[in-house]
C-alpha atoms as a PDB file:
ATOM      1  CA  MET A   1     -27.226  28.266 -18.310  1.00  0.00           C
ATOM      2  CA  THR A   2     -25.167  25.961 -20.533  1.00  0.00           C
ATOM      3  CA  THR A   3     -26.711  22.567 -21.100  1.00  0.00           C
ATOM      4  CA  ARG A   4     -24.229  19.862 -20.239  1.00  0.00           C
ATOM      5  CA  SER A   5     -23.496  17.420 -23.047  1.00  0.00           C
ATOM      6  CA  VAL A   6     -20.635  15.665 -24.813  1.00  0.00           C
ATOM      7  CA  LEU A   7     -19.580  19.131 -26.009  1.00  0.00           C
ATOM      8  CA  THR A   8     -18.990  20.336 -22.442  1.00  0.00           C
ATOM      9  CA  LEU A   9     -16.643  17.521 -21.447  1.00  0.00           C
ATOM     10  CA  PRO A  10     -13.417  19.109 -20.099  1.00  0.00           C
ATOM     11  CA  ASN A  11     -10.535  19.566 -22.474  1.00  0.00           C
ATOM     12  CA  PRO A  12      -7.596  17.179 -21.990  1.00  0.00           C
ATOM     13  CA  GLY A  13      -5.053  18.512 -19.524  1.00  0.00           C
ATOM     14  CA  THR A  14      -7.503  20.750 -17.668  1.00  0.00           C
ATOM     15  CA  LYS A  15      -8.244  20.427 -13.970  1.00  0.00           C
ATOM     16  CA  ALA A  16     -11.490  18.481 -14.311  1.00  0.00           C
ATOM     17  CA  ALA A  17     -10.165  16.111 -16.958  1.00  0.00           C
ATOM     18  CA  PRO A  18      -8.773  12.670 -16.114  1.00  0.00           C
ATOM     19  CA  ALA A  19      -4.989  12.385 -16.031  1.00  0.00           C
ATOM     20  CA  LYS A  20      -3.826  11.200 -19.457  1.00  0.00           C
ATOM     21  CA  PHE A  21      -3.962   7.403 -19.545  1.00  0.00           C
ATOM     22  CA  LYS A  22      -0.664   5.934 -20.721  1.00  0.00           C
ATOM     23  CA  GLY A  23      -1.364   2.245 -20.204  1.00  0.00           C
ATOM     24  CA  GLY A  24      -0.434   1.720 -16.543  1.00  0.00           C
ATOM     25  CA  PHE A  25      -2.324  -1.170 -14.958  1.00  0.00           C
ATOM     26  CA  ALA A  26      -2.410   0.603 -11.587  1.00  0.00           C
ATOM     27  CA  GLU A  27      -4.214   3.608 -13.096  1.00  0.00           C
ATOM     28  CA  VAL A  28      -6.691   2.021 -15.490  1.00  0.00           C
ATOM     29  CA  LYS A  29      -9.542   1.467 -13.015  1.00  0.00           C
ATOM     30  CA  ASP A  30      -9.352   4.987 -11.565  1.00  0.00           C
ATOM     31  CA  PHE A  31      -9.098   6.413 -15.081  1.00  0.00           C
ATOM     32  CA  LEU A  32     -12.271   4.654 -16.221  1.00  0.00           C
ATOM     33  CA  LYS A  33     -14.108   5.528 -13.008  1.00  0.00           C
ATOM     34  CA  HIS A  34     -13.210   9.210 -13.418  1.00  0.00           C
ATOM     35  CA  TYR A  35     -14.270   9.160 -17.075  1.00  0.00           C
ATOM     36  CA  GLU A  36     -17.627   7.552 -16.338  1.00  0.00           C
ATOM     37  CA  LYS A  37     -18.346  10.109 -13.605  1.00  0.00           C
ATOM     38  CA  LEU A  38     -17.608  12.879 -16.116  1.00  0.00           C
ATOM     39  CA  CYS A  39     -19.982  11.280 -18.608  1.00  0.00           C
ATOM     40  CA  ASP A  40     -22.731  11.092 -15.989  1.00  0.00           C
ATOM     41  CA  TYR A  41     -22.171  14.713 -14.950  1.00  0.00           C
ATOM     42  CA  HIS A  42     -22.250  15.922 -18.549  1.00  0.00           C
ATOM     43  CA  ASN A  43     -25.251  13.774 -19.472  1.00  0.00           C
ATOM     44  CA  VAL A  44     -23.275  11.667 -21.924  1.00  0.00           C
ATOM     45  CA  SER A  45     -25.363   8.499 -22.083  1.00  0.00           C
ATOM     46  CA  SER A  46     -24.863   7.439 -25.707  1.00  0.00           C
ATOM     47  CA  GLU A  47     -22.497   4.454 -25.931  1.00  0.00           C
ATOM     48  CA  GLY A  48     -21.135   5.814 -29.181  1.00  0.00           C
ATOM     49  CA  GLU A  49     -20.281   9.192 -27.623  1.00  0.00           C
ATOM     50  CA  LYS A  50     -18.652   7.483 -24.649  1.00  0.00           C
ATOM     51  CA  CYS A  51     -16.470   5.421 -26.966  1.00  0.00           C
ATOM     52  CA  GLU A  52     -15.550   8.325 -29.237  1.00  0.00           C
ATOM     53  CA  SER A  53     -14.786  10.747 -26.409  1.00  0.00           C
ATOM     54  CA  ILE A  54     -12.551   8.628 -24.207  1.00  0.00           C
ATOM     55  CA  THR A  55      -9.626   8.562 -26.612  1.00  0.00           C
ATOM     56  CA  GLN A  56      -8.954  12.291 -26.154  1.00  0.00           C
ATOM     57  CA  TYR A  57      -7.804  11.463 -22.604  1.00  0.00           C
ATOM     58  CA  MET A  58      -5.327   8.819 -23.748  1.00  0.00           C
ATOM     59  CA  SER A  59      -1.783   9.000 -25.047  1.00  0.00           C
ATOM     60  CA  ARG A  60      -1.451   8.705 -28.809  1.00  0.00           C
ATOM     61  CA  HIS A  61      -0.347   5.064 -28.991  1.00  0.00           C
ATOM     62  CA  ILE A  62      -3.056   3.990 -26.533  1.00  0.00           C
ATOM     63  CA  SER A  63      -5.790   5.823 -28.428  1.00  0.00           C
ATOM     64  CA  GLU A  64      -4.641   4.290 -31.735  1.00  0.00           C
ATOM     65  CA  PHE A  65      -4.855   0.823 -30.207  1.00  0.00           C
ATOM     66  CA  VAL A  66      -8.306   1.484 -28.733  1.00  0.00           C
ATOM     67  CA  GLU A  67      -9.615   2.850 -32.023  1.00  0.00           C
ATOM     68  CA  GLY A  68      -8.626  -0.432 -33.659  1.00  0.00           C
ATOM     69  CA  LEU A  69     -10.742  -2.547 -31.298  1.00  0.00           C
ATOM     70  CA  SER A  70     -13.986  -3.969 -32.682  1.00  0.00           C
ATOM     71  CA  SER A  71     -15.764  -2.857 -29.495  1.00  0.00           C
ATOM     72  CA  PHE A  72     -14.769   0.741 -30.257  1.00  0.00           C
ATOM     73  CA  ARG A  73     -15.806   0.524 -33.884  1.00  0.00           C
ATOM     74  CA  SER A  74     -19.158  -1.023 -32.976  1.00  0.00           C
ATOM     75  CA  HIS A  75     -19.736   1.704 -30.369  1.00  0.00           C
ATOM     76  CA  SER A  76     -20.282  -0.771 -27.521  1.00  0.00           C
ATOM     77  CA  TRP A  77     -19.148   1.045 -24.370  1.00  0.00           C
ATOM     78  CA  SER A  78     -19.599  -1.927 -22.048  1.00  0.00           C
ATOM     79  CA  LYS A  79     -17.444  -4.125 -24.291  1.00  0.00           C
ATOM     80  CA  LEU A  80     -14.871  -1.379 -24.858  1.00  0.00           C
ATOM     81  CA  LYS A  81     -14.537  -0.838 -21.120  1.00  0.00           C
ATOM     82  CA  ALA A  82     -14.032  -4.593 -20.625  1.00  0.00           C
ATOM     83  CA  ASP A  83     -11.413  -4.631 -23.395  1.00  0.00           C
ATOM     84  CA  ILE A  84      -9.480  -1.733 -21.870  1.00  0.00           C
ATOM     85  CA  LEU A  85      -9.449  -3.473 -18.485  1.00  0.00           C
ATOM     86  CA  LYS A  86      -8.389  -6.717 -20.142  1.00  0.00           C
ATOM     87  CA  TYR A  87      -5.604  -5.435 -22.369  1.00  0.00           C
ATOM     88  CA  TYR A  88      -4.121  -3.102 -19.799  1.00  0.00           C
ATOM     89  CA  ASP A  89      -3.997  -5.819 -17.156  1.00  0.00           C
ATOM     90  CA  ALA A  90      -6.280  -4.327 -14.520  1.00  0.00           C
ATOM     91  CA  ASP A  91      -6.153  -7.774 -12.922  1.00  0.00           C
ATOM     92  CA  LEU A  92      -2.502  -7.163 -12.057  1.00  0.00           C
ATOM     93  CA  ASP A  93      -3.567  -4.393  -9.709  1.00  0.00           C
ATOM     94  CA  THR A  94      -5.690  -6.852  -7.732  1.00  0.00           C
ATOM     95  CA  LYS A  95      -2.606  -9.061  -7.401  1.00  0.00           C
ATOM     96  CA  ARG A  96      -0.267  -6.310  -6.296  1.00  0.00           C
ATOM     97  CA  TYR A  97       1.002  -8.209  -3.247  1.00  0.00           C
ATOM     98  CA  ARG A  98       0.979 -11.802  -2.076  1.00  0.00           C
ATOM     99  CA  ARG A  99       1.359 -13.289   1.375  1.00  0.00           C
ATOM    100  CA  LYS A 100       4.941 -14.255   0.602  1.00  0.00           C
ATOM    101  CA  ASP A 101       5.757 -10.557   0.058  1.00  0.00           C
ATOM    102  CA  LEU A 102       4.628  -9.820   3.612  1.00  0.00           C
ATOM    103  CA  LEU A 103       6.511 -12.817   4.992  1.00  0.00           C
ATOM    104  CA  SER A 104       9.663 -11.618   3.250  1.00  0.00           C
ATOM    105  CA  TYR A 105       9.219  -8.127   4.718  1.00  0.00           C
ATOM    106  CA  VAL A 106       8.641  -9.494   8.217  1.00  0.00           C
ATOM    107  CA  LYS A 107      11.658 -11.791   7.964  1.00  0.00           C
ATOM    108  CA  THR A 108      13.857  -8.856   6.947  1.00  0.00           C
ATOM    109  CA  THR A 109      12.621  -6.321   9.493  1.00  0.00           C
ATOM    110  CA  ARG A 110      12.626  -8.607  12.518  1.00  0.00           C
ATOM    111  CA  GLY A 111      16.412  -8.755  12.270  1.00  0.00           C
ATOM    112  CA  LYS A 112      16.827  -4.976  12.081  1.00  0.00           C
ATOM    113  CA  LYS A 113      17.172  -2.851  15.203  1.00  0.00           C
ATOM    114  CA  ILE A 114      14.713   0.013  15.667  1.00  0.00           C
ATOM    115  CA  PRO A 115      16.591   2.608  17.737  1.00  0.00           C
ATOM    116  CA  THR A 116      14.559   5.700  16.874  1.00  0.00           C
ATOM    117  CA  LEU A 117      10.999   6.848  16.345  1.00  0.00           C
ATOM    118  CA  SER A 118      11.801   7.528  12.683  1.00  0.00           C
ATOM    119  CA  ALA A 119      13.002   3.952  12.209  1.00  0.00           C
ATOM    120  CA  TRP A 120       9.815   2.692  13.878  1.00  0.00           C
ATOM    121  CA  LYS A 121       7.574   4.792  11.620  1.00  0.00           C
ATOM    122  CA  LYS A 122       9.474   3.467   8.602  1.00  0.00           C
ATOM    123  CA  TYR A 123       8.729  -0.091   9.727  1.00  0.00           C
ATOM    124  CA  VAL A 124       5.036   0.703  10.259  1.00  0.00           C
ATOM    125  CA  ARG A 125       4.702   2.391   6.852  1.00  0.00           C
ATOM    126  CA  GLY A 126       6.347  -0.530   5.088  1.00  0.00           C
ATOM    127  CA  PHE A 127       4.166  -3.067   6.860  1.00  0.00           C
ATOM    128  CA  ILE A 128       0.921  -1.205   6.209  1.00  0.00           C
ATOM    129  CA  ARG A 129       1.785  -0.788   2.526  1.00  0.00           C
ATOM    130  CA  ILE A 130       1.866  -4.570   2.058  1.00  0.00           C
ATOM    131  CA  GLY A 131      -0.169  -5.955   4.963  1.00  0.00           C
ATOM    132  CA  GLY A 132      -2.874  -3.321   4.759  1.00  0.00           C
ATOM    133  CA  TRP A 133      -3.378  -4.035   1.067  1.00  0.00           C
ATOM    134  CA  LEU A 134      -3.603  -7.785   1.696  1.00  0.00           C
ATOM    135  CA  GLU A 135      -6.112  -7.306   4.517  1.00  0.00           C
ATOM    136  CA  GLU A 136      -8.245  -4.965   2.406  1.00  0.00           C
ATOM    137  CA  ALA A 137      -8.148  -7.523  -0.436  1.00  0.00           C
ATOM    138  CA  LYS A 138      -9.403 -10.195   2.016  1.00  0.00           C
ATOM    139  CA  LYS A 139      -6.180 -12.151   1.593  1.00  0.00           C
ATOM    140  CA  LEU A 140      -5.264 -11.749   5.240  1.00  0.00           C
ATOM    141  CA  THR A 141      -7.435 -11.894   8.367  1.00  0.00           C
ATOM    142  CA  SER A 142      -7.219  -9.149  10.987  1.00  0.00           C
ATOM    143  CA  GLU A 143      -5.689 -11.671  13.411  1.00  0.00           C
ATOM    144  CA  GLU A 144      -3.020 -12.642  10.882  1.00  0.00           C
ATOM    145  CA  TYR A 145      -2.364  -8.971  10.183  1.00  0.00           C
ATOM    146  CA  ALA A 146      -1.742  -8.303  13.881  1.00  0.00           C
ATOM    147  CA  SER A 147       0.404 -11.434  14.254  1.00  0.00           C
ATOM    148  CA  TYR A 148       2.640 -10.593  11.322  1.00  0.00           C
ATOM    149  CA  PHE A 149       2.953  -7.003  12.518  1.00  0.00           C
ATOM    150  CA  TRP A 150       4.193  -8.252  15.889  1.00  0.00           C
ATOM    151  CA  GLU A 151       6.594 -10.770  14.350  1.00  0.00           C
ATOM    152  CA  GLY A 152       8.183  -8.114  12.169  1.00  0.00           C
ATOM    153  CA  ILE A 153       9.394  -6.074  15.156  1.00  0.00           C
ATOM    154  CA  TYR A 154      12.983  -6.459  16.370  1.00  0.00           C
ATOM    155  CA  LYS A 155      13.023  -8.931  19.310  1.00  0.00           C
ATOM    156  CA  LYS A 156      14.493  -6.604  21.979  1.00  0.00           C
ATOM    157  CA  LEU A 157      11.911  -3.933  21.192  1.00  0.00           C
ATOM    158  CA  ARG A 158       9.135  -6.555  21.253  1.00  0.00           C
ATOM    159  CA  ILE A 159      10.161  -7.493  24.779  1.00  0.00           C
ATOM    160  CA  LYS A 160      10.033  -3.854  25.929  1.00  0.00           C
ATOM    161  CA  ILE A 161       6.621  -3.354  24.299  1.00  0.00           C
ATOM    162  CA  GLU A 162       5.184  -6.546  25.788  1.00  0.00           C
ATOM    163  CA  THR A 163       6.471  -5.646  29.259  1.00  0.00           C
ATOM    164  CA  ARG A 164       4.818  -2.232  29.079  1.00  0.00           C
ATOM    165  CA  LEU A 165       1.615  -3.610  27.590  1.00  0.00           C
ATOM    166  CA  MET A 166       1.230  -6.332  30.241  1.00  0.00           C
ATOM    167  CA  ALA A 167       1.951  -3.834  33.018  1.00  0.00           C
ATOM    168  CA  ASN A 168      -0.830  -1.602  31.722  1.00  0.00           C
ATOM    169  CA  GLU A 169      -3.232  -4.416  30.849  1.00  0.00           C
ATOM    170  CA  PRO A 170      -2.361  -7.505  32.946  1.00  0.00           C
ATOM    171  CA  ASP A 171      -5.537  -9.323  31.836  1.00  0.00           C
ATOM    172  CA  THR A 172      -4.576  -9.223  28.164  1.00  0.00           C
ATOM    173  CA  ASP A 173      -5.542 -12.451  26.364  1.00  0.00           C
ATOM    174  CA  LEU A 174      -2.246 -14.026  25.267  1.00  0.00           C
ATOM    175  CA  SER A 175      -4.008 -16.480  22.991  1.00  0.00           C
ATOM    176  CA  GLU A 176      -4.570 -13.632  20.531  1.00  0.00           C
ATOM    177  CA  ALA A 177      -2.150 -11.248  18.839  1.00  0.00           C
ATOM    178  CA  PHE A 178      -1.674  -7.899  20.562  1.00  0.00           C
ATOM    179  CA  PRO A 179      -3.837  -5.174  18.952  1.00  0.00           C
ATOM    180  CA  VAL A 180      -1.770  -3.266  16.414  1.00  0.00           C
ATOM    181  CA  ASP A 181      -2.952   0.141  17.599  1.00  0.00           C
ATOM    182  CA  ARG A 182      -1.857  -0.635  21.180  1.00  0.00           C
ATOM    183  CA  VAL A 183       1.535  -1.888  20.019  1.00  0.00           C
ATOM    184  CA  ILE A 184       2.069   1.251  17.955  1.00  0.00           C
ATOM    185  CA  ALA A 185       1.058   3.551  20.815  1.00  0.00           C
ATOM    186  CA  ILE A 186       3.464   1.886  23.258  1.00  0.00           C
ATOM    187  CA  ALA A 187       6.346   1.799  20.778  1.00  0.00           C
ATOM    188  CA  GLU A 188       5.904   5.495  20.034  1.00  0.00           C
ATOM    189  CA  LYS A 189       6.011   6.315  23.737  1.00  0.00           C
ATOM    190  CA  LEU A 190       9.144   4.218  24.226  1.00  0.00           C
ATOM    191  CA  LEU A 191      10.885   5.819  21.273  1.00  0.00           C
ATOM    192  CA  HIS A 192       9.572   9.370  21.629  1.00  0.00           C
ATOM    193  CA  HIS A 193      12.190  12.036  20.854  1.00  0.00           C
ATOM    194  CA  ASP A 194      11.500  13.933  24.076  1.00  0.00           C
ATOM    195  CA  ARG A 195      11.753  11.007  26.493  1.00  0.00           C
ATOM    196  CA  PHE A 196      14.246  11.791  29.251  1.00  0.00           C
ATOM    197  CA  ASP A 197      15.940   8.418  28.671  1.00  0.00           C
ATOM    198  CA  ALA A 198      15.823   8.488  24.865  1.00  0.00           C
ATOM    199  CA  ASP A 199      19.621   8.674  24.638  1.00  0.00           C
ATOM    200  CA  LEU A 200      19.906   5.748  27.034  1.00  0.00           C
ATOM    201  CA  LEU A 201      17.560   3.661  24.898  1.00  0.00           C
ATOM    202  CA  LEU A 202      19.563   4.485  21.769  1.00  0.00           C
ATOM    203  CA  SER A 203      22.805   3.714  23.581  1.00  0.00           C
ATOM    204  CA  GLU A 204      21.384   0.366  24.697  1.00  0.00           C
ATOM    205  CA  VAL A 205      20.487  -0.578  21.138  1.00  0.00           C
ATOM    206  CA  GLU A 206      23.910   0.443  19.872  1.00  0.00           C
ATOM    207  CA  THR A 207      25.536  -1.647  22.630  1.00  0.00           C
ATOM    208  CA  GLU A 208      23.397  -4.610  21.564  1.00  0.00           C
ATOM    209  CA  SER A 209      24.560  -4.063  17.984  1.00  0.00           C
ATOM    210  CA  GLU A 210      28.217  -4.055  19.025  1.00  0.00           C
ATOM    211  CA  SER A 211      27.634  -7.172  21.132  1.00  0.00           C
ATOM    212  CA  ASP A 212      25.972  -8.971  18.232  1.00  0.00           C
ATOM    213  CA  SER A 213      28.838  -8.010  15.914  1.00  0.00           C
ATOM    214  CA  SER A 214      31.392  -9.232  18.452  1.00  0.00           C
ATOM    215  CA  THR A 215      29.557 -12.538  18.786  1.00  0.00           C
ATOM    216  CA  GLU A 216      29.527 -12.979  15.031  1.00  0.00           C
ATOM    217  CA  GLU A 217      33.262 -12.218  14.798  1.00  0.00           C
ATOM    218  CA  ASN A 218      34.076 -14.702  17.571  1.00  0.00           C
ATOM    219  CA  SER A 219      31.919 -17.279  15.876  1.00  0.00           C
ATOM    220  CA  ASP A 220      33.797 -16.719  12.583  1.00  0.00           C
ATOM    221  CA  GLY A 221      37.111 -16.942  14.389  1.00  0.00           C
ATOM    222  CA  ASN A 222      36.197 -20.213  16.091  1.00  0.00           C
ATOM    223  CA  SER A 223      35.026 -21.708  12.835  1.00  0.00           C
ATOM    224  CA  ASN A 224      38.499 -21.085  11.424  1.00  0.00           C
END
């Protein structure tokens, strides 16, 4: 049985090796985590070996920069790791989104009609991408998450969802935001492709769109 050591670390580009690090702030933490797991698995405990071996998994210009760091030359893995995180802006990944990004998304989507299940799923994906990250980062409470999710839904669809939700659960506490999972479940039922009245629902939304456009045109005409 082969004894695992620095010599058994996987060759760059092979399946077990980390993806080549090219300096992206969104990848640096996962890259270092993967590398340290490899070192543990292959019994690489020497700080010098950790420093010397990591550069094989980096692009040429990144490895040249790293090799010029005093932490690399002094074979201090803990300091080298800190330097890599510092110079490749790992902190930017923890600031990926801000509350104003979610507010902007909600403001945009609440004015867009959601006539189909596909359009609804697109809204949900977009919200989770920003809101879910903020909640996970403790920058948004679960109550705020649910409130913003509700506010981002087109008004006419919100009314339909609330009507259905209150009919099913008349004792719902209106002092709190509706649970996101319940809202999603009801919206999916309302917009399901196989509903017998799906075409009627779509037609209704299109009629609303035409009515809104007509109102805007009349408003423009009156202003002139």
